[in-house]
Amino acid sequence: MTLQDQMNRLLDDAPDISLLAFGDLSSGLILNWAARAPCPREGLDLLGEQAARCFALMGRDRLDGAVAGPSMIHFTEHETRIFVRVGTGPDDAGPHDAGSDDVICAVCDAGAELEPLFLAAADLADKIAGTA
C-alpha cells in the first residue's frame, strides 16, 4: 500500500482529521498530503514550517524516543495539529534513526478526542518507518 493510500485510509477512518500530511522537518516542506477539502499550497507550506519550528524548540538532544516517538500537539482556537516524527521509537531498527526528519502532520477539529487521533497518526508513522 502506498503512502497516499495509507493517508487516504486514515482520513476515511478518522472523521475528525481534516488533513494528513507527510513532511520533511529539515526543509519545512510538506511532501505528500490528503485532505477532505482543497488545501492551498500556502497552507501546506505554513503547516510544514510550523512542524519544523515546534521540533526545533525541543532541540535534538531532547528527541530521544518516548513510547510513540517524539511528538507535538499544537492547539489553536479552530483546530488541533498533531505532529509525530517517523521512525524514532525506542525499538526502531528501520531505515530511520532518532535523527529522522520525516514527520506526520494531522490537522484535527478543535475539541476532537485526541488520544485515538494521536495513536492513529503514530501508527501511520510506524508503518512508514517499517516498524508496524
Protein backbone atom coordinates (compact mmCIF):
# COMPACT_ATOMS: atom_id res chain seq x y z
CA MET A 1 0.00 0.00 0.00
CA THR A 2 1.40 3.41 -0.95
CA LEU A 3 1.81 6.31 1.44
CA GLN A 4 -1.06 8.09 -0.31
CA ASP A 5 -3.30 5.03 0.14
CA GLN A 6 -2.43 4.86 3.84
CA MET A 7 -3.15 8.54 4.35
CA ASN A 8 -6.46 8.29 2.46
CA ARG A 9 -7.47 5.27 4.56
CA LEU A 10 -6.71 7.09 7.81
CA LEU A 11 -8.61 10.15 6.59
CA ASP A 12 -11.62 7.91 5.82
CA ASP A 13 -11.40 6.19 9.22
CA ALA A 14 -10.99 9.36 11.31
CA PRO A 15 -13.68 11.95 10.53
CA ASP A 16 -12.14 14.45 12.98
CA ILE A 17 -8.99 14.69 10.85
CA SER A 18 -9.37 17.21 8.04
CA LEU A 19 -5.83 16.97 6.63
CA LEU A 20 -2.96 14.50 6.85
CA ALA A 21 0.49 15.33 5.60
CA PHE A 22 3.93 13.77 5.33
CA GLY A 23 6.73 16.28 5.59
CA ASP A 24 10.44 16.88 5.98
CA LEU A 25 11.47 18.83 9.08
CA SER A 26 14.89 19.84 7.76
CA SER A 27 13.34 21.74 4.86
CA GLY A 28 9.97 22.53 6.45
CA LEU A 29 8.25 21.16 3.34
CA ILE A 30 5.13 19.01 3.06
CA LEU A 31 5.90 16.30 0.51
CA ASN A 32 2.58 14.43 0.35
CA TRP A 33 -0.89 15.06 1.74
CA ALA A 34 -4.52 14.01 1.78
CA ALA A 35 -7.33 16.39 2.69
CA ARG A 36 -11.11 16.47 2.91
CA ALA A 37 -11.24 19.85 1.14
CA PRO A 38 -8.90 21.68 -1.21
CA CYS A 39 -5.85 23.00 0.60
CA PRO A 40 -3.83 25.81 -0.95
CA ARG A 41 -0.08 25.27 -1.19
CA GLU A 42 0.44 28.26 1.11
CA GLY A 43 -1.45 26.44 3.88
CA LEU A 44 0.70 23.34 3.41
CA ASP A 45 3.85 25.46 3.49
CA LEU A 46 2.74 27.02 6.78
CA LEU A 47 2.00 23.56 8.23
CA GLY A 48 5.48 22.30 7.30
CA GLU A 49 7.12 25.39 8.74
CA GLN A 50 5.11 25.06 11.96
CA ALA A 51 6.15 21.42 12.37
CA ALA A 52 9.80 22.36 11.89
CA ARG A 53 9.52 25.23 14.42
CA CYS A 54 7.80 23.01 17.01
CA PHE A 55 10.52 20.37 16.89
CA ALA A 56 13.31 22.98 16.76
CA LEU A 57 12.03 24.34 20.07
CA MET A 58 12.63 20.94 21.69
CA GLY A 59 16.20 20.57 20.42
CA ARG A 60 17.67 17.34 19.05
CA ASP A 61 19.12 16.29 22.41
CA ARG A 62 15.59 16.00 23.86
CA LEU A 63 14.20 13.92 20.97
CA ASP A 64 15.19 10.54 22.34
CA GLY A 65 12.05 8.48 21.75
CA ALA A 66 9.05 8.30 24.02
CA VAL A 67 6.64 5.41 23.61
CA ALA A 68 5.43 6.55 20.19
CA GLY A 69 8.49 8.62 19.38
CA PRO A 70 8.77 12.36 19.79
CA SER A 71 5.54 14.18 19.09
CA MET A 72 3.99 17.60 19.46
CA ILE A 73 0.39 18.73 19.78
CA HIS A 74 -0.38 22.34 18.89
CA PHE A 75 -3.75 23.83 19.87
CA THR A 76 -5.46 26.78 18.23
CA GLU A 77 -8.97 28.16 18.57
CA HIS A 78 -10.10 26.46 15.36
CA GLU A 79 -8.09 23.23 15.17
CA THR A 80 -5.53 20.97 16.77
CA ARG A 81 -2.38 19.88 14.99
CA ILE A 82 -0.62 16.62 15.84
CA PHE A 83 2.99 16.20 14.70
CA VAL A 84 4.63 12.75 15.01
CA ARG A 85 8.21 12.09 13.88
CA VAL A 86 8.66 8.98 11.76
CA GLY A 87 10.98 6.17 12.78
CA THR A 88 12.04 7.46 16.16
CA GLY A 89 10.58 4.88 18.52
CA PRO A 90 12.83 3.26 21.13
CA ASP A 91 12.96 -0.10 19.32
CA ASP A 92 13.35 1.31 15.82
CA ALA A 93 15.68 -0.73 13.66
CA GLY A 94 14.22 0.51 10.37
CA PRO A 95 15.63 2.86 7.77
CA HIS A 96 15.13 5.90 10.02
CA ASP A 97 17.05 6.67 13.18
CA ALA A 98 16.46 9.02 16.08
CA GLY A 99 17.60 11.88 13.85
CA SER A 100 14.90 11.30 11.22
CA ASP A 101 13.43 14.46 9.76
CA ASP A 102 10.27 12.77 8.45
CA VAL A 103 7.04 13.82 10.16
CA ILE A 104 3.33 13.04 10.01
CA CYS A 105 1.07 16.06 10.49
CA ALA A 106 -2.61 15.60 11.32
CA VAL A 107 -4.91 18.62 11.38
CA CYS A 108 -7.90 17.83 13.60
CA ASP A 109 -11.12 19.55 14.58
CA ALA A 110 -10.95 21.66 17.73
CA GLY A 111 -12.39 19.70 20.62
CA ALA A 112 -11.82 16.30 18.99
CA GLU A 113 -10.83 13.42 21.24
CA LEU A 114 -7.07 13.43 20.72
CA GLU A 115 -5.90 10.07 22.02
CA PRO A 116 -7.29 7.95 19.16
CA LEU A 117 -6.18 10.54 16.59
CA PHE A 118 -2.68 10.68 18.05
CA LEU A 119 -2.46 6.88 18.13
CA ALA A 120 -3.65 6.69 14.51
CA ALA A 121 -1.01 9.25 13.42
CA ALA A 122 1.69 7.39 15.39
CA ASP A 123 0.61 4.10 13.78
CA LEU A 124 0.93 5.68 10.33
CA ALA A 125 4.41 6.93 11.28
CA ASP A 126 5.35 3.38 12.36
CA LYS A 127 4.06 1.95 9.08
CA ILE A 128 6.11 4.43 7.08
CA ALA A 129 9.19 3.55 9.12
CA GLY A 130 8.53 -0.15 8.57
CA THR A 131 8.20 -0.87 12.28
CA ALA A 132 4.50 -1.79 12.25
